[in-house]
C-alpha atoms as a PDB file:
ATOM      1  CA  MET A   1     -41.387  50.577  33.381  1.00  0.00           C
ATOM      2  CA  LYS A   2     -41.907  54.224  34.253  1.00  0.00           C
ATOM      3  CA  ALA A   3     -45.493  54.934  35.058  1.00  0.00           C
ATOM      4  CA  ASN A   4     -47.062  57.817  33.087  1.00  0.00           C
ATOM      5  CA  GLU A   5     -49.337  60.363  34.633  1.00  0.00           C
ATOM      6  CA  GLN A   6     -52.459  58.645  33.354  1.00  0.00           C
ATOM      7  CA  THR A   7     -51.436  55.386  34.994  1.00  0.00           C
ATOM      8  CA  ARG A   8     -50.814  57.081  38.380  1.00  0.00           C
ATOM      9  CA  GLN A   9     -54.177  58.825  38.129  1.00  0.00           C
ATOM     10  CA  GLN A  10     -55.957  55.531  37.311  1.00  0.00           C
ATOM     11  CA  ILE A  11     -54.386  53.807  40.301  1.00  0.00           C
ATOM     12  CA  GLU A  12     -55.124  56.668  42.675  1.00  0.00           C
ATOM     13  CA  ARG A  13     -58.694  56.854  41.464  1.00  0.00           C
ATOM     14  CA  ALA A  14     -59.035  53.094  42.258  1.00  0.00           C
ATOM     15  CA  ILE A  15     -57.677  53.662  45.736  1.00  0.00           C
ATOM     16  CA  ARG A  16     -60.194  56.442  46.336  1.00  0.00           C
ATOM     17  CA  LYS A  17     -62.996  54.125  45.156  1.00  0.00           C
ATOM     18  CA  ILE A  18     -61.843  51.429  47.623  1.00  0.00           C
ATOM     19  CA  ALA A  19     -61.883  53.992  50.371  1.00  0.00           C
ATOM     20  CA  GLU A  20     -65.395  55.007  49.429  1.00  0.00           C
ATOM     21  CA  LYS A  21     -66.568  51.451  50.034  1.00  0.00           C
ATOM     22  CA  PHE A  22     -65.140  51.542  53.608  1.00  0.00           C
ATOM     23  CA  PRO A  23     -66.052  54.961  54.973  1.00  0.00           C
ATOM     24  CA  THR A  24     -64.344  56.210  58.135  1.00  0.00           C
ATOM     25  CA  SER A  25     -66.090  55.000  61.257  1.00  0.00           C
ATOM     26  CA  ASP A  26     -65.590  55.423  64.972  1.00  0.00           C
ATOM     27  CA  SER A  27     -66.206  51.725  65.438  1.00  0.00           C
ATOM     28  CA  PRO A  28     -65.020  49.871  62.349  1.00  0.00           C
ATOM     29  CA  SER A  29     -66.668  46.524  62.105  1.00  0.00           C
ATOM     30  CA  VAL A  30     -65.264  45.112  58.798  1.00  0.00           C
ATOM     31  CA  MET A  31     -62.299  42.826  59.113  1.00  0.00           C
ATOM     32  CA  THR A  32     -60.533  42.361  55.762  1.00  0.00           C
ATOM     33  CA  ASP A  33     -57.507  43.018  53.711  1.00  0.00           C
ATOM     34  CA  ILE A  34     -57.526  44.697  50.316  1.00  0.00           C
ATOM     35  CA  HIS A  35     -56.382  42.283  47.588  1.00  0.00           C
ATOM     36  CA  LEU A  36     -55.222  44.075  44.416  1.00  0.00           C
ATOM     37  CA  ARG A  37     -55.080  41.762  41.380  1.00  0.00           C
ATOM     38  CA  VAL A  38     -53.508  42.812  38.180  1.00  0.00           C
ATOM     39  CA  THR A  39     -53.998  40.920  34.930  1.00  0.00           C
ATOM     40  CA  GLN A  40     -51.004  41.398  32.717  1.00  0.00           C
ATOM     41  CA  GLU A  41     -52.767  40.774  29.403  1.00  0.00           C
ATOM     42  CA  THR A  42     -55.784  43.055  29.929  1.00  0.00           C
ATOM     43  CA  GLY A  43     -54.188  45.655  32.166  1.00  0.00           C
ATOM     44  CA  GLU A  44     -57.036  45.268  34.656  1.00  0.00           C
ATOM     45  CA  LEU A  45     -56.459  46.303  38.224  1.00  0.00           C
ATOM     46  CA  MET A  46     -59.151  44.783  40.466  1.00  0.00           C
ATOM     47  CA  ALA A  47     -59.657  45.065  44.214  1.00  0.00           C
ATOM     48  CA  PHE A  48     -61.226  42.386  46.379  1.00  0.00           C
ATOM     49  CA  ASP A  49     -61.944  41.773  49.978  1.00  0.00           C
ATOM     50  CA  ASP A  50     -60.965  38.594  51.934  1.00  0.00           C
ATOM     51  CA  ASP A  51     -64.184  36.900  50.759  1.00  0.00           C
ATOM     52  CA  ASP A  52     -63.241  37.480  47.118  1.00  0.00           C
ATOM     53  CA  ASN A  53     -65.949  40.104  46.758  1.00  0.00           C
ATOM     54  CA  GLU A  54     -65.066  42.627  44.024  1.00  0.00           C
ATOM     55  CA  ILE A  55     -64.730  46.164  45.428  1.00  0.00           C
ATOM     56  CA  THR A  56     -63.702  47.976  42.252  1.00  0.00           C
ATOM     57  CA  ARG A  57     -61.845  47.601  38.955  1.00  0.00           C
ATOM     58  CA  CYS A  58     -60.218  49.708  36.325  1.00  0.00           C
ATOM     59  CA  VAL A  59     -58.055  49.170  33.275  1.00  0.00           C
ATOM     60  CA  VAL A  60     -54.613  50.660  33.288  1.00  0.00           C
ATOM     61  CA  GLU A  61     -53.962  51.224  29.586  1.00  0.00           C
ATOM     62  CA  GLN A  62     -50.171  51.310  29.955  1.00  0.00           C
ATOM     63  CA  TRP A  63     -50.256  47.717  31.266  1.00  0.00           C
ATOM     64  CA  ILE A  64     -52.389  46.211  28.559  1.00  0.00           C
ATOM     65  CA  ASP A  65     -50.426  43.345  26.777  1.00  0.00           C
ATOM     66  CA  ASN A  66     -47.367  43.901  28.796  1.00  0.00           C
ATOM     67  CA  LYS A  67     -45.085  40.900  28.199  1.00  0.00           C
ATOM     68  CA  ASP A  68     -42.295  41.776  30.585  1.00  0.00           C
ATOM     69  CA  GLU A  69     -41.223  38.869  32.773  1.00  0.00           C
ATOM     70  CA  ASP A  70     -40.665  41.279  35.709  1.00  0.00           C
ATOM     71  CA  PHE A  71     -43.998  43.010  35.206  1.00  0.00           C
ATOM     72  CA  TYR A  72     -45.127  42.435  38.818  1.00  0.00           C
ATOM     73  CA  GLU A  73     -41.832  43.661  40.254  1.00  0.00           C
ATOM     74  CA  GLN A  74     -42.123  46.839  38.107  1.00  0.00           C
ATOM     75  CA  ILE A  75     -45.707  47.672  39.101  1.00  0.00           C
ATOM     76  CA  THR A  76     -45.202  46.952  42.798  1.00  0.00           C
ATOM     77  CA  GLY A  77     -43.429  50.341  43.331  1.00  0.00           C
ATOM     78  CA  VAL A  78     -45.879  52.191  41.232  1.00  0.00           C
ATOM     79  CA  ILE A  79     -48.909  50.922  43.133  1.00  0.00           C
ATOM     80  CA  ARG A  80     -47.105  51.381  46.519  1.00  0.00           C
ATOM     81  CA  ARG A  81     -46.281  55.003  45.704  1.00  0.00           C
ATOM     82  CA  SER A  82     -49.941  55.648  44.659  1.00  0.00           C
ATOM     83  CA  ILE A  83     -51.162  54.195  47.956  1.00  0.00           C
ATOM     84  CA  GLU A  84     -48.676  56.343  49.891  1.00  0.00           C
ATOM     85  CA  LYS A  85     -49.901  59.386  47.993  1.00  0.00           C
ATOM     86  CA  GLU A  86     -53.516  58.504  49.190  1.00  0.00           C
ATOM     87  CA  LYS A  87     -52.066  57.472  52.553  1.00  0.00           C
ATOM     88  CA  GLU A  88     -54.593  59.498  54.601  1.00  0.00           C
ATOM     89  CA  LEU A  89     -57.553  57.709  52.882  1.00  0.00           C
ATOM     90  CA  ALA A  90     -55.853  54.324  53.110  1.00  0.00           C
ATOM     91  CA  GLU A  91     -55.214  54.698  56.866  1.00  0.00           C
ATOM     92  CA  THR A  92     -58.755  55.962  57.767  1.00  0.00           C
ATOM     93  CA  MET A  93     -60.896  53.346  56.080  1.00  0.00           C
ATOM     94  CA  GLY A  94     -63.598  51.764  58.252  1.00  0.00           C
ATOM     95  CA  ILE A  95     -61.728  48.496  58.570  1.00  0.00           C
ATOM     96  CA  LEU A  96     -60.396  46.922  61.814  1.00  0.00           C
ATOM     97  CA  LYS A  97     -56.624  47.429  62.121  1.00  0.00           C
ATOM     98  CA  PRO A  98     -54.268  45.945  61.168  1.00  0.00           C
ATOM     99  CA  TYR A  99     -55.135  45.521  57.499  1.00  0.00           C
ATOM    100  CA  SER A 100     -53.009  45.353  54.366  1.00  0.00           C
ATOM    101  CA  PHE A 101     -53.060  46.217  50.717  1.00  0.00           C
ATOM    102  CA  VAL A 102     -51.710  43.084  49.036  1.00  0.00           C
ATOM    103  CA  LEU A 103     -50.695  42.699  45.354  1.00  0.00           C
ATOM    104  CA  GLU A 104     -51.686  39.369  43.707  1.00  0.00           C
ATOM    105  CA  ASN A 105     -51.340  38.033  40.239  1.00  0.00           C
ATOM    106  CA  ASP A 106     -54.434  36.874  38.242  1.00  0.00           C
ATOM    107  CA  ASP A 107     -53.953  33.328  39.820  1.00  0.00           C
ATOM    108  CA  LYS A 108     -54.502  34.922  43.295  1.00  0.00           C
ATOM    109  CA  GLU A 109     -50.862  34.308  44.204  1.00  0.00           C
ATOM    110  CA  ASN A 110     -49.429  36.847  46.673  1.00  0.00           C
ATOM    111  CA  ILE A 111     -46.776  38.992  44.944  1.00  0.00           C
ATOM    112  CA  ALA A 112     -46.072  41.661  47.544  1.00  0.00           C
ATOM    113  CA  GLU A 113     -47.528  43.317  50.610  1.00  0.00           C
ATOM    114  CA  LEU A 114     -47.811  46.918  49.454  1.00  0.00           C
ATOM    115  CA  PHE A 115     -49.003  48.756  52.502  1.00  0.00           C
ATOM    116  CA  VAL A 116     -49.868  47.860  56.121  1.00  0.00           C
ATOM    117  CA  VAL A 117     -52.230  49.983  58.060  1.00  0.00           C
ATOM    118  CA  ASP A 118     -51.447  49.584  61.720  1.00  0.00           C
ATOM    119  CA  ASP A 119     -50.507  52.079  64.389  1.00  0.00           C
ATOM    120  CA  GLN A 120     -47.164  50.461  64.893  1.00  0.00           C
ATOM    121  CA  THR A 121     -46.153  48.710  61.633  1.00  0.00           C
ATOM    122  CA  VAL A 122     -44.672  50.236  58.565  1.00  0.00           C
ATOM    123  CA  ILE A 123     -43.648  48.558  55.250  1.00  0.00           C
ATOM    124  CA  ILE A 124     -40.526  50.146  53.879  1.00  0.00           C
ATOM    125  CA  ASP A 125     -39.791  50.232  50.151  1.00  0.00           C
ATOM    126  CA  GLU A 126     -37.361  47.565  48.951  1.00  0.00           C
ATOM    127  CA  GLU A 127     -35.109  50.217  47.326  1.00  0.00           C
ATOM    128  CA  LEU A 128     -34.536  51.810  50.756  1.00  0.00           C
ATOM    129  CA  MET A 129     -33.761  48.444  52.323  1.00  0.00           C
ATOM    130  CA  ALA A 130     -31.312  47.291  49.626  1.00  0.00           C
ATOM    131  CA  ASP A 131     -28.062  45.970  51.153  1.00  0.00           C
ATOM    132  CA  LEU A 132     -29.499  45.971  54.686  1.00  0.00           C
ATOM    133  CA  ASP A 133     -28.352  42.405  55.301  1.00  0.00           C
ATOM    134  CA  LYS A 134     -24.852  43.291  54.253  1.00  0.00           C
ATOM    135  CA  ASP A 135     -24.840  46.418  56.397  1.00  0.00           C
ATOM    136  CA  LEU A 136     -26.095  44.455  59.443  1.00  0.00           C
ATOM    137  CA  ASN A 137     -23.462  41.723  58.899  1.00  0.00           C
ATOM    138  CA  ASP A 138     -20.688  44.257  58.609  1.00  0.00           C
ATOM    139  CA  PHE A 139     -21.925  45.932  61.802  1.00  0.00           C
ATOM    140  CA  PHE A 140     -22.006  42.622  63.739  1.00  0.00           C
ATOM    141  CA  ASP A 141     -18.588  41.625  62.429  1.00  0.00           C
ATOM    142  CA  LYS A 142     -17.103  44.901  63.607  1.00  0.00           C
ATOM    143  CA  LEU A 143     -18.935  44.686  66.936  1.00  0.00           C
ATOM    144  CA  LEU A 144     -17.581  41.151  67.509  1.00  0.00           C
ATOM    145  CA  LYS A 145     -14.063  42.172  66.722  1.00  0.00           C
ATOM    146  CA  ASP A 146     -14.177  44.893  69.335  1.00  0.00           C
END
């Protein structure tokens, strides 16, 4: 599924609303992750804290009634790119580091870790990491032969 401009804008707006709830602070005191839940039937994108308190919600029209079996795999990259576009906001929220943006289905099952905010940890997109295991194995095989 290729996200249209309206979908990207809706997700980015939701990220900005999340950031508004956790303004930048010199001494962040909130300790939580951001749980993004998407309901495939309604297209709702909802954000929750660790205590299951709702932070914000929106409806992504492009996702309403999507019946694709790989729906969550398709939207993972879309949401991740939107967070990366709003990276400065995501990284300066008044939350104790490290914290994560986590994608969940409507049953609260973890689908993917979208973005980690920490001074030393970075989540790399799966497309970039494709075939890494094979490359490492080839490297070690070659190293052992020498």
